[in-house]
Amino acid sequence: MIYKVYYQESATEVPVREKTQTLYLEADSEMDVRLKLKNRNYNIELVQKLEGKYLEYEQNHENYRLEQL
């Protein structure tokens, strides 16, 4: 499954909407996503499973790039 992760670069800073970044990751579950990103110093705001039309839409977006971990 493909997941879209909304995060802040630093876990020590207060989240600011304008600094929120996203990445796309293939994983078995939301917990698997969090475990894969555990070593990065990210403040994860949301992990969202992408499927169906929403996944197609994201894949056609210019910023779509599947992260390889």
PDB file of N, CA and C in Angstrom:
ATOM      1  N   MET A   1       0.824  -1.175   0.000  1.00  0.00           N
ATOM      2  CA  MET A   1       0.000   0.000   0.000  1.00  0.00           C
ATOM      3  C   MET A   1       0.875   1.248   0.000  1.00  0.00           C
ATOM      4  N   ILE A   2       0.327   2.303  -0.547  1.00  0.00           N
ATOM      5  CA  ILE A   2       1.042   3.576  -0.599  1.00  0.00           C
ATOM      6  C   ILE A   2       0.455   4.513   0.456  1.00  0.00           C
ATOM      7  N   TYR A   3       1.336   5.164   1.192  1.00  0.00           N
ATOM      8  CA  TYR A   3       0.925   6.113   2.231  1.00  0.00           C
ATOM      9  C   TYR A   3       1.525   7.479   1.947  1.00  0.00           C
ATOM     10  N   LYS A   4       0.754   8.504   2.267  1.00  0.00           N
ATOM     11  CA  LYS A   4       1.221   9.882   2.177  1.00  0.00           C
ATOM     12  C   LYS A   4       1.450  10.353   3.603  1.00  0.00           C
ATOM     13  N   VAL A   5       2.654  10.858   3.861  1.00  0.00           N
ATOM     14  CA  VAL A   5       3.031  11.275   5.212  1.00  0.00           C
ATOM     15  C   VAL A   5       3.207  12.791   5.227  1.00  0.00           C
ATOM     16  N   TYR A   6       2.487  13.442   6.125  1.00  0.00           N
ATOM     17  CA  TYR A   6       2.633  14.877   6.355  1.00  0.00           C
ATOM     18  C   TYR A   6       3.534  15.035   7.572  1.00  0.00           C
ATOM     19  N   TYR A   7       4.590  15.835   7.445  1.00  0.00           N
ATOM     20  CA  TYR A   7       5.545  15.937   8.537  1.00  0.00           C
ATOM     21  C   TYR A   7       6.219  17.309   8.575  1.00  0.00           C
ATOM     22  N   GLN A   8       6.837  17.584   9.711  1.00  0.00           N
ATOM     23  CA  GLN A   8       7.702  18.744   9.892  1.00  0.00           C
ATOM     24  C   GLN A   8       9.137  18.213   9.928  1.00  0.00           C
ATOM     25  N   GLU A   9      10.077  18.975   9.422  1.00  0.00           N
ATOM     26  CA  GLU A   9      11.481  18.548   9.355  1.00  0.00           C
ATOM     27  C   GLU A   9      12.076  18.237  10.732  1.00  0.00           C
ATOM     28  N   SER A  10      11.682  18.974  11.749  1.00  0.00           N
ATOM     29  CA  SER A  10      12.286  18.803  13.064  1.00  0.00           C
ATOM     30  C   SER A  10      11.231  18.502  14.118  1.00  0.00           C
ATOM     31  N   ALA A  11      11.473  17.488  14.902  1.00  0.00           N
ATOM     32  CA  ALA A  11      10.545  17.112  15.964  1.00  0.00           C
ATOM     33  C   ALA A  11      10.615  18.077  17.143  1.00  0.00           C
ATOM     34  N   THR A  12      11.640  18.925  17.189  1.00  0.00           N
ATOM     35  CA  THR A  12      11.795  19.835  18.324  1.00  0.00           C
ATOM     36  C   THR A  12      11.128  21.190  18.098  1.00  0.00           C
ATOM     37  N   GLU A  13      10.693  21.467  16.875  1.00  0.00           N
ATOM     38  CA  GLU A  13      10.060  22.750  16.579  1.00  0.00           C
ATOM     39  C   GLU A  13       8.544  22.627  16.620  1.00  0.00           C
ATOM     40  N   VAL A  14       7.901  23.735  16.890  1.00  0.00           N
ATOM     41  CA  VAL A  14       6.447  23.780  16.882  1.00  0.00           C
ATOM     42  C   VAL A  14       5.972  23.641  15.432  1.00  0.00           C
ATOM     43  N   PRO A  15       4.974  22.777  15.170  1.00  0.00           N
ATOM     44  CA  PRO A  15       4.477  22.620  13.803  1.00  0.00           C
ATOM     45  C   PRO A  15       3.862  23.916  13.266  1.00  0.00           C
ATOM     46  N   VAL A  16       4.218  24.249  12.035  1.00  0.00           N
ATOM     47  CA  VAL A  16       3.683  25.412  11.340  1.00  0.00           C
ATOM     48  C   VAL A  16       3.168  24.918   9.988  1.00  0.00           C
ATOM     49  N   ARG A  17       1.917  25.215   9.691  1.00  0.00           N
ATOM     50  CA  ARG A  17       1.284  24.699   8.476  1.00  0.00           C
ATOM     51  C   ARG A  17       2.119  24.968   7.225  1.00  0.00           C
ATOM     52  N   GLU A  18       2.679  26.156   7.123  1.00  0.00           N
ATOM     53  CA  GLU A  18       3.445  26.525   5.931  1.00  0.00           C
ATOM     54  C   GLU A  18       4.735  25.724   5.775  1.00  0.00           C
ATOM     55  N   LYS A  19       5.192  25.096   6.822  1.00  0.00           N
ATOM     56  CA  LYS A  19       6.426  24.300   6.762  1.00  0.00           C
ATOM     57  C   LYS A  19       6.146  22.802   6.651  1.00  0.00           C
ATOM     58  N   THR A  20       4.883  22.425   6.593  1.00  0.00           N
ATOM     59  CA  THR A  20       4.536  21.011   6.473  1.00  0.00           C
ATOM     60  C   THR A  20       5.000  20.480   5.122  1.00  0.00           C
ATOM     61  N   GLN A  21       5.648  19.327   5.162  1.00  0.00           N
ATOM     62  CA  GLN A  21       6.134  18.675   3.945  1.00  0.00           C
ATOM     63  C   GLN A  21       5.455  17.318   3.816  1.00  0.00           C
ATOM     64  N   THR A  22       5.557  16.736   2.633  1.00  0.00           N
ATOM     65  CA  THR A  22       4.950  15.422   2.417  1.00  0.00           C
ATOM     66  C   THR A  22       5.944  14.489   1.748  1.00  0.00           C
ATOM     67  N   LEU A  23       5.725  13.220   1.983  1.00  0.00           N
ATOM     68  CA  LEU A  23       6.463  12.184   1.269  1.00  0.00           C
ATOM     69  C   LEU A  23       5.533  11.007   1.066  1.00  0.00           C
ATOM     70  N   TYR A  24       5.850  10.182   0.095  1.00  0.00           N
ATOM     71  CA  TYR A  24       5.054   9.017  -0.243  1.00  0.00           C
ATOM     72  C   TYR A  24       5.912   7.786   0.023  1.00  0.00           C
ATOM     73  N   LEU A  25       5.290   6.797   0.655  1.00  0.00           N
ATOM     74  CA  LEU A  25       6.044   5.634   1.094  1.00  0.00           C
ATOM     75  C   LEU A  25       5.211   4.378   0.908  1.00  0.00           C
ATOM     76  N   GLU A  26       5.845   3.312   0.468  1.00  0.00           N
ATOM     77  CA  GLU A  26       5.164   2.027   0.368  1.00  0.00           C
ATOM     78  C   GLU A  26       5.413   1.257   1.659  1.00  0.00           C
ATOM     79  N   ALA A  27       4.326   0.772   2.272  1.00  0.00           N
ATOM     80  CA  ALA A  27       4.431   0.044   3.531  1.00  0.00           C
ATOM     81  C   ALA A  27       3.207  -0.849   3.706  1.00  0.00           C
ATOM     82  N   ASP A  28       3.278  -1.730   4.703  1.00  0.00           N
ATOM     83  CA  ASP A  28       2.177  -2.659   4.972  1.00  0.00           C
ATOM     84  C   ASP A  28       1.076  -2.040   5.824  1.00  0.00           C
ATOM     85  N   SER A  29       1.446  -1.061   6.664  1.00  0.00           N
ATOM     86  CA  SER A  29       0.473  -0.445   7.576  1.00  0.00           C
ATOM     87  C   SER A  29       0.992   0.918   8.025  1.00  0.00           C
ATOM     88  N   GLU A  30       0.133   1.655   8.731  1.00  0.00           N
ATOM     89  CA  GLU A  30       0.553   2.948   9.267  1.00  0.00           C
ATOM     90  C   GLU A  30       1.696   2.761  10.270  1.00  0.00           C
ATOM     91  N   MET A  31       1.608   1.717  11.076  1.00  0.00           N
ATOM     92  CA  MET A  31       2.670   1.452  12.050  1.00  0.00           C
ATOM     93  C   MET A  31       3.992   1.156  11.331  1.00  0.00           C
ATOM     94  N   ASP A  32       3.924   0.430  10.235  1.00  0.00           N
ATOM     95  CA  ASP A  32       5.119   0.132   9.442  1.00  0.00           C
ATOM     96  C   ASP A  32       5.745   1.423   8.906  1.00  0.00           C
ATOM     97  N   VAL A  33       4.909   2.363   8.470  1.00  0.00           N
ATOM     98  CA  VAL A  33       5.400   3.665   8.004  1.00  0.00           C
ATOM     99  C   VAL A  33       6.163   4.360   9.116  1.00  0.00           C
ATOM    100  N   ARG A  34       5.548   4.415  10.298  1.00  0.00           N
ATOM    101  CA  ARG A  34       6.180   5.091  11.440  1.00  0.00           C
ATOM    102  C   ARG A  34       7.484   4.413  11.850  1.00  0.00           C
ATOM    103  N   LEU A  35       7.522   3.085  11.767  1.00  0.00           N
ATOM    104  CA  LEU A  35       8.762   2.364  12.095  1.00  0.00           C
ATOM    105  C   LEU A  35       9.860   2.654  11.072  1.00  0.00           C
ATOM    106  N   LYS A  36       9.485   2.749   9.805  1.00  0.00           N
ATOM    107  CA  LYS A  36      10.471   3.041   8.762  1.00  0.00           C
ATOM    108  C   LYS A  36      11.051   4.448   8.899  1.00  0.00           C
ATOM    109  N   LEU A  37      10.250   5.385   9.412  1.00  0.00           N
ATOM    110  CA  LEU A  37      10.699   6.771   9.561  1.00  0.00           C
ATOM    111  C   LEU A  37      11.214   7.085  10.955  1.00  0.00           C
ATOM    112  N   LYS A  38      11.281   6.078  11.792  1.00  0.00           N
ATOM    113  CA  LYS A  38      11.678   6.249  13.190  1.00  0.00           C
ATOM    114  C   LYS A  38      13.047   6.910  13.353  1.00  0.00           C
ATOM    115  N   ASN A  39      13.995   6.578  12.503  1.00  0.00           N
ATOM    116  CA  ASN A  39      15.358   7.101  12.640  1.00  0.00           C
ATOM    117  C   ASN A  39      15.524   8.532  12.138  1.00  0.00           C
ATOM    118  N   ARG A  40      14.519   9.040  11.463  1.00  0.00           N
ATOM    119  CA  ARG A  40      14.569  10.432  11.009  1.00  0.00           C
ATOM    120  C   ARG A  40      13.969  11.310  12.104  1.00  0.00           C
ATOM    121  N   ASN A  41      14.442  12.501  12.216  1.00  0.00           N
ATOM    122  CA  ASN A  41      13.990  13.406  13.268  1.00  0.00           C
ATOM    123  C   ASN A  41      12.754  14.188  12.803  1.00  0.00           C
ATOM    124  N   TYR A  42      11.738  13.472  12.310  1.00  0.00           N
ATOM    125  CA  TYR A  42      10.535  14.105  11.794  1.00  0.00           C
ATOM    126  C   TYR A  42       9.466  14.200  12.873  1.00  0.00           C
ATOM    127  N   ASN A  43       8.685  15.253  12.801  1.00  0.00           N
ATOM    128  CA  ASN A  43       7.474  15.368  13.600  1.00  0.00           C
ATOM    129  C   ASN A  43       6.334  14.985  12.663  1.00  0.00           C
ATOM    130  N   ILE A  44       5.900  13.740  12.717  1.00  0.00           N
ATOM    131  CA  ILE A  44       4.873  13.231  11.808  1.00  0.00           C
ATOM    132  C   ILE A  44       3.511  13.724  12.271  1.00  0.00           C
ATOM    133  N   GLU A  45       2.839  14.434  11.385  1.00  0.00           N
ATOM    134  CA  GLU A  45       1.520  14.980  11.695  1.00  0.00           C
ATOM    135  C   GLU A  45       0.407  14.005  11.326  1.00  0.00           C
ATOM    136  N   LEU A  46       0.532  13.380  10.144  1.00  0.00           N
ATOM    137  CA  LEU A  46      -0.533  12.522   9.645  1.00  0.00           C
ATOM    138  C   LEU A  46       0.040  11.498   8.687  1.00  0.00           C
ATOM    139  N   VAL A  47      -0.460  10.274   8.787  1.00  0.00           N
ATOM    140  CA  VAL A  47      -0.130   9.218   7.828  1.00  0.00           C
ATOM    141  C   VAL A  47      -1.450   8.821   7.183  1.00  0.00           C
ATOM    142  N   GLN A  48      -1.537   8.979   5.868  1.00  0.00           N
ATOM    143  CA  GLN A  48      -2.786   8.763   5.153  1.00  0.00           C
ATOM    144  C   GLN A  48      -2.605   7.700   4.080  1.00  0.00           C
ATOM    145  N   LYS A  49      -3.441   6.662   4.130  1.00  0.00           N
ATOM    146  CA  LYS A  49      -3.389   5.602   3.124  1.00  0.00           C
ATOM    147  C   LYS A  49      -4.021   6.119   1.832  1.00  0.00           C
ATOM    148  N   LEU A  50      -3.337   5.895   0.713  1.00  0.00           N
ATOM    149  CA  LEU A  50      -3.833   6.320  -0.589  1.00  0.00           C
ATOM    150  C   LEU A  50      -4.307   5.100  -1.362  1.00  0.00           C
ATOM    151  N   GLU A  51      -5.517   5.211  -1.918  1.00  0.00           N
ATOM    152  CA  GLU A  51      -6.046   4.130  -2.742  1.00  0.00           C
ATOM    153  C   GLU A  51      -7.080   4.684  -3.712  1.00  0.00           C
ATOM    154  N   GLY A  52      -7.355   3.935  -4.738  1.00  0.00           N
ATOM    155  CA  GLY A  52      -8.380   4.308  -5.700  1.00  0.00           C
ATOM    156  C   GLY A  52      -8.071   5.593  -6.451  1.00  0.00           C
ATOM    157  N   LYS A  53      -9.096   6.410  -6.627  1.00  0.00           N
ATOM    158  CA  LYS A  53      -8.985   7.662  -7.389  1.00  0.00           C
ATOM    159  C   LYS A  53      -8.021   8.640  -6.733  1.00  0.00           C
ATOM    160  N   TYR A  54      -7.987   8.643  -5.402  1.00  0.00           N
ATOM    161  CA  TYR A  54      -7.090   9.561  -4.706  1.00  0.00           C
ATOM    162  C   TYR A  54      -5.629   9.198  -4.995  1.00  0.00           C
ATOM    163  N   LEU A  55      -5.306   7.918  -5.035  1.00  0.00           N
ATOM    164  CA  LEU A  55      -3.952   7.482  -5.369  1.00  0.00           C
ATOM    165  C   LEU A  55      -3.619   7.869  -6.811  1.00  0.00           C
ATOM    166  N   GLU A  56      -4.554   7.665  -7.727  1.00  0.00           N
ATOM    167  CA  GLU A  56      -4.334   8.048  -9.122  1.00  0.00           C
ATOM    168  C   GLU A  56      -4.062   9.550  -9.239  1.00  0.00           C
ATOM    169  N   TYR A  57      -4.848  10.336  -8.513  1.00  0.00           N
ATOM    170  CA  TYR A  57      -4.660  11.790  -8.527  1.00  0.00           C
ATOM    171  C   TYR A  57      -3.261  12.159  -8.032  1.00  0.00           C
ATOM    172  N   GLU A  58      -2.842  11.586  -6.914  1.00  0.00           N
ATOM    173  CA  GLU A  58      -1.525  11.894  -6.352  1.00  0.00           C
ATOM    174  C   GLU A  58      -0.404  11.457  -7.287  1.00  0.00           C
ATOM    175  N   GLN A  59      -0.560  10.309  -7.935  1.00  0.00           N
ATOM    176  CA  GLN A  59       0.471   9.814  -8.850  1.00  0.00           C
ATOM    177  C   GLN A  59       0.629  10.722 -10.065  1.00  0.00           C
ATOM    178  N   ASN A  60      -0.424  11.414 -10.446  1.00  0.00           N
ATOM    179  CA  ASN A  60      -0.365  12.330 -11.580  1.00  0.00           C
ATOM    180  C   ASN A  60       0.128  13.716 -11.183  1.00  0.00           C
ATOM    181  N   HIS A  61       0.317  13.944  -9.912  1.00  0.00           N
ATOM    182  CA  HIS A  61       0.786  15.234  -9.411  1.00  0.00           C
ATOM    183  C   HIS A  61       2.292  15.326  -9.622  1.00  0.00           C
ATOM    184  N   GLU A  62       2.785  16.505  -9.933  1.00  0.00           N
ATOM    185  CA  GLU A  62       4.209  16.683 -10.241  1.00  0.00           C
ATOM    186  C   GLU A  62       5.135  16.403  -9.055  1.00  0.00           C
ATOM    187  N   ASN A  63       4.644  16.518  -7.826  1.00  0.00           N
ATOM    188  CA  ASN A  63       5.488  16.303  -6.646  1.00  0.00           C
ATOM    189  C   ASN A  63       5.490  14.853  -6.164  1.00  0.00           C
ATOM    190  N   TYR A  64       4.787  13.967  -6.857  1.00  0.00           N
ATOM    191  CA  TYR A  64       4.718  12.562  -6.443  1.00  0.00           C
ATOM    192  C   TYR A  64       6.040  11.874  -6.732  1.00  0.00           C
ATOM    193  N   ARG A  65       6.649  11.367  -5.664  1.00  0.00           N
ATOM    194  CA  ARG A  65       7.877  10.583  -5.784  1.00  0.00           C
ATOM    195  C   ARG A  65       7.877   9.583  -4.643  1.00  0.00           C
ATOM    196  N   LEU A  66       7.891   8.302  -4.956  1.00  0.00           N
ATOM    197  CA  LEU A  66       7.853   7.256  -3.951  1.00  0.00           C
ATOM    198  C   LEU A  66       9.214   7.154  -3.270  1.00  0.00           C
ATOM    199  N   GLU A  67       9.228   7.335  -1.961  1.00  0.00           N
ATOM    200  CA  GLU A  67      10.450   7.286  -1.155  1.00  0.00           C
ATOM    201  C   GLU A  67      10.947   5.845  -1.063  1.00  0.00           C
ATOM    202  N   GLN A  68      12.226   5.628  -1.227  1.00  0.00           N
ATOM    203  CA  GLN A  68      12.816   4.296  -1.123  1.00  0.00           C
ATOM    204  C   GLN A  68      13.596   4.181   0.184  1.00  0.00           C
ATOM    205  N   LEU A  69      13.124   3.320   1.069  1.00  0.00           N
ATOM    206  CA  LEU A  69      13.824   3.108   2.355  1.00  0.00           C
ATOM    207  C   LEU A  69      14.329   1.691   2.444  1.00  0.00           C
TER     208      LEU A  69
END
